[in-house]
Amino acid sequence: MLYHLDFHVEYPDNMTQQELFTVWSEEANAAGFTYHEKNGSKCAGRSNSPEKI
């Protein structure tokens, strides 16, 4: 089953790019996603993915 979610998120105007990426990383971790580099590119995947990270 596929769900389409549409939502709007606002962050402070004075937030730096690094702070924004930190928040996104924390939110992704809470959702069960992990970030890693593969072939020089940043990738995202579910933490229960069969692929080793």
Protein backbone atom coordinates (compact mmCIF):
# COMPACT_ATOMS: atom_id res chain seq x y z
CA MET A 1 0.00 0.00 0.00
CA LEU A 2 1.34 3.44 -0.89
CA TYR A 3 0.56 6.61 1.03
CA HIS A 4 1.09 10.17 -0.17
CA LEU A 5 1.92 12.64 2.59
CA ASP A 6 1.87 16.36 2.00
CA PHE A 7 3.06 18.62 4.78
CA HIS A 8 4.68 21.98 5.39
CA VAL A 9 7.60 22.58 7.76
CA GLU A 10 8.99 25.96 8.77
CA TYR A 11 12.44 26.60 10.21
CA PRO A 12 13.81 29.88 11.60
CA ASP A 13 15.16 32.34 9.01
CA ASN A 14 18.41 32.74 10.92
CA MET A 15 19.18 28.99 10.91
CA THR A 16 22.50 28.13 9.27
CA GLN A 17 22.80 25.44 6.62
CA GLN A 18 24.73 23.22 9.06
CA GLU A 19 22.01 23.61 11.70
CA LEU A 20 19.36 22.71 9.13
CA PHE A 21 21.24 19.59 8.05
CA THR A 22 21.69 18.61 11.70
CA VAL A 23 17.94 18.90 12.30
CA TRP A 24 17.22 16.89 9.13
CA SER A 25 19.66 14.20 10.25
CA GLU A 26 18.02 13.96 13.68
CA GLU A 27 14.57 13.78 12.08
CA ALA A 28 15.71 11.11 9.63
CA ASN A 29 17.20 9.04 12.45
CA ALA A 30 13.95 9.30 14.40
CA ALA A 31 12.10 8.04 11.30
CA GLY A 32 14.49 5.09 10.95
CA PHE A 33 16.59 6.40 8.05
CA THR A 34 20.37 6.46 7.93
CA TYR A 35 22.71 8.46 5.72
CA HIS A 36 25.92 7.14 4.25
CA GLU A 37 28.26 7.78 1.36
CA LYS A 38 28.30 5.40 -1.58
CA ASN A 39 30.44 5.96 -4.65
CA GLY A 40 31.13 9.52 -3.52
CA SER A 41 27.43 10.43 -3.21
CA LYS A 42 25.39 10.84 -0.06
CA CYS A 43 22.59 8.26 0.12
CA ALA A 44 19.65 7.69 2.41
CA GLY A 45 18.05 4.38 3.22
CA ARG A 46 15.97 2.60 5.77
CA SER A 47 18.02 1.36 8.71
CA ASN A 48 16.50 -2.11 8.26
CA SER A 49 17.76 -2.26 4.68
CA PRO A 50 19.48 -5.55 3.77
CA GLU A 51 22.40 -3.54 2.32
CA LYS A 52 25.31 -3.10 4.72
CA ILE A 53 26.11 0.51 5.50
